[in-house]
C-alpha atoms as a PDB file:
ATOM      1  CA  MET A   1       9.627  26.914  41.664  1.00  0.00           C
ATOM      2  CA  GLN A   2       7.781  27.690  44.850  1.00  0.00           C
ATOM      3  CA  GLY A   3       4.471  25.870  44.879  1.00  0.00           C
ATOM      4  CA  GLU A   4       5.416  23.528  42.020  1.00  0.00           C
ATOM      5  CA  THR A   5       4.599  19.897  42.656  1.00  0.00           C
ATOM      6  CA  ASP A   6       6.292  18.454  39.570  1.00  0.00           C
ATOM      7  CA  ARG A   7       9.963  18.959  40.376  1.00  0.00           C
ATOM      8  CA  ARG A   8      11.375  16.454  37.921  1.00  0.00           C
ATOM      9  CA  ALA A   9      14.526  17.574  36.121  1.00  0.00           C
ATOM     10  CA  ILE A  10      17.031  16.373  33.586  1.00  0.00           C
ATOM     11  CA  PHE A  11      20.640  17.189  34.374  1.00  0.00           C
ATOM     12  CA  SER A  12      22.498  17.229  31.065  1.00  0.00           C
ATOM     13  CA  PHE A  13      26.158  17.700  30.389  1.00  0.00           C
ATOM     14  CA  ALA A  14      28.512  16.951  27.565  1.00  0.00           C
ATOM     15  CA  VAL A  15      32.134  15.941  27.247  1.00  0.00           C
ATOM     16  CA  GLY A  16      33.949  16.653  24.013  1.00  0.00           C
ATOM     17  CA  TYR A  17      37.049  15.047  22.581  1.00  0.00           C
ATOM     18  CA  PHE A  18      38.909  15.936  19.394  1.00  0.00           C
ATOM     19  CA  ASP A  19      41.008  13.083  18.029  1.00  0.00           C
ATOM     20  CA  GLY A  20      42.943  15.263  15.586  1.00  0.00           C
ATOM     21  CA  GLU A  21      40.480  14.629  12.787  1.00  0.00           C
ATOM     22  CA  LYS A  22      36.985  14.549  14.228  1.00  0.00           C
ATOM     23  CA  ASP A  23      35.031  15.898  17.195  1.00  0.00           C
ATOM     24  CA  HIS A  24      33.393  13.346  19.466  1.00  0.00           C
ATOM     25  CA  ILE A  25      30.654  14.605  21.787  1.00  0.00           C
ATOM     26  CA  PHE A  26      29.280  12.442  24.585  1.00  0.00           C
ATOM     27  CA  VAL A  27      26.032  13.738  26.068  1.00  0.00           C
ATOM     28  CA  ALA A  28      24.835  12.525  29.449  1.00  0.00           C
ATOM     29  CA  ASP A  29      21.216  12.988  30.547  1.00  0.00           C
ATOM     30  CA  GLU A  30      20.436  12.116  34.137  1.00  0.00           C
ATOM     31  CA  GLU A  31      16.913  12.096  35.558  1.00  0.00           C
ATOM     32  CA  GLY A  32      16.459  13.648  38.967  1.00  0.00           C
ATOM     33  CA  PHE A  33      14.566  16.404  40.747  1.00  0.00           C
ATOM     34  CA  ILE A  34      14.949  19.920  42.128  1.00  0.00           C
ATOM     35  CA  ILE A  35      14.554  20.097  45.907  1.00  0.00           C
ATOM     36  CA  ASP A  36      12.531  22.817  47.632  1.00  0.00           C
ATOM     37  CA  GLU A  37      15.520  24.763  48.997  1.00  0.00           C
ATOM     38  CA  PRO A  38      19.326  24.575  48.835  1.00  0.00           C
ATOM     39  CA  ARG A  39      20.688  22.078  51.364  1.00  0.00           C
ATOM     40  CA  GLY A  40      23.892  20.297  52.227  1.00  0.00           C
ATOM     41  CA  ASP A  41      27.536  21.221  52.506  1.00  0.00           C
ATOM     42  CA  ASN A  42      29.424  18.485  50.650  1.00  0.00           C
ATOM     43  CA  LEU A  43      29.964  19.404  47.007  1.00  0.00           C
ATOM     44  CA  HIS A  44      32.270  16.415  46.481  1.00  0.00           C
ATOM     45  CA  GLY A  45      34.573  18.659  44.442  1.00  0.00           C
ATOM     46  CA  TRP A  46      31.803  19.438  42.000  1.00  0.00           C
ATOM     47  CA  THR A  47      29.334  22.218  41.136  1.00  0.00           C
ATOM     48  CA  GLU A  48      27.041  24.239  43.407  1.00  0.00           C
ATOM     49  CA  LEU A  49      24.090  22.713  41.542  1.00  0.00           C
ATOM     50  CA  LEU A  50      24.416  19.842  44.011  1.00  0.00           C
ATOM     51  CA  TYR A  51      22.792  22.097  46.655  1.00  0.00           C
ATOM     52  CA  ILE A  52      19.459  21.903  44.792  1.00  0.00           C
ATOM     53  CA  TYR A  53      19.615  18.754  42.646  1.00  0.00           C
ATOM     54  CA  GLY A  54      18.552  15.328  43.863  1.00  0.00           C
ATOM     55  CA  HIS A  55      18.622  11.800  42.478  1.00  0.00           C
ATOM     56  CA  PRO A  56      15.809   9.220  42.804  1.00  0.00           C
ATOM     57  CA  SER A  57      18.151   6.935  44.759  1.00  0.00           C
ATOM     58  CA  PHE A  58      18.026   9.472  47.612  1.00  0.00           C
ATOM     59  CA  PRO A  59      14.450  10.871  47.696  1.00  0.00           C
ATOM     60  CA  GLY A  60      13.984  14.345  49.176  1.00  0.00           C
ATOM     61  CA  ARG A  61      17.708  15.022  49.563  1.00  0.00           C
ATOM     62  CA  SER A  62      20.130  17.153  47.611  1.00  0.00           C
ATOM     63  CA  LEU A  63      23.308  15.549  46.351  1.00  0.00           C
ATOM     64  CA  ALA A  64      25.249  17.940  48.600  1.00  0.00           C
ATOM     65  CA  GLU A  65      23.653  16.172  51.580  1.00  0.00           C
ATOM     66  CA  LEU A  66      25.187  12.816  50.691  1.00  0.00           C
ATOM     67  CA  ASN A  67      28.069  11.499  52.738  1.00  0.00           C
ATOM     68  CA  ASP A  68      31.079  10.005  50.974  1.00  0.00           C
ATOM     69  CA  GLU A  69      29.688   6.450  50.995  1.00  0.00           C
ATOM     70  CA  GLU A  70      26.336   7.601  49.571  1.00  0.00           C
ATOM     71  CA  TRP A  71      28.208   9.654  46.961  1.00  0.00           C
ATOM     72  CA  LYS A  72      29.941   6.450  45.804  1.00  0.00           C
ATOM     73  CA  GLU A  73      26.525   4.748  45.551  1.00  0.00           C
ATOM     74  CA  TYR A  74      25.245   7.678  43.500  1.00  0.00           C
ATOM     75  CA  LEU A  75      28.234   7.520  41.125  1.00  0.00           C
ATOM     76  CA  ALA A  76      27.672   3.797  40.631  1.00  0.00           C
ATOM     77  CA  ALA A  77      23.981   4.427  39.902  1.00  0.00           C
ATOM     78  CA  ILE A  78      24.716   6.981  37.164  1.00  0.00           C
ATOM     79  CA  GLU A  79      27.717   5.307  35.539  1.00  0.00           C
ATOM     80  CA  ALA A  80      25.699   4.312  32.478  1.00  0.00           C
ATOM     81  CA  VAL A  81      24.834   7.972  31.760  1.00  0.00           C
ATOM     82  CA  ASP A  82      28.127   9.600  32.788  1.00  0.00           C
ATOM     83  CA  GLY A  83      29.769  11.522  29.948  1.00  0.00           C
ATOM     84  CA  PHE A  84      33.244  10.827  31.289  1.00  0.00           C
ATOM     85  CA  VAL A  85      32.500   7.099  31.413  1.00  0.00           C
ATOM     86  CA  MET A  86      31.254   7.285  27.814  1.00  0.00           C
ATOM     87  CA  LEU A  87      34.521   8.971  26.819  1.00  0.00           C
ATOM     88  CA  ARG A  88      36.576   6.415  28.752  1.00  0.00           C
ATOM     89  CA  ASP A  89      34.770   3.549  27.067  1.00  0.00           C
ATOM     90  CA  TYR A  90      35.190   5.138  23.623  1.00  0.00           C
ATOM     91  CA  LEU A  91      38.937   5.639  24.167  1.00  0.00           C
ATOM     92  CA  ALA A  92      39.300   2.061  25.380  1.00  0.00           C
ATOM     93  CA  LYS A  93      37.916   0.846  22.031  1.00  0.00           C
ATOM     94  CA  THR A  94      40.223   2.981  19.884  1.00  0.00           C
END
């Protein structure tokens, strides 16, 4: 992506649950951006994609650069599009 000015990205992931009769798939799409080079050293127990992926709440920074307090802010910001939260909310209704 060297030289690219439009670095917008969609980070998508899915969580599946089988209730014994039917599959339930919860897809989360999060808008963010790809930074210019891998940075940071705090994966927060997650994937190495955090070295290159950023969120609009923290312009110009990878998620791996966030400290623990900023990570909590990030999680709060994405709760509405978090596949695990969607699953939790679904299970709470059943």
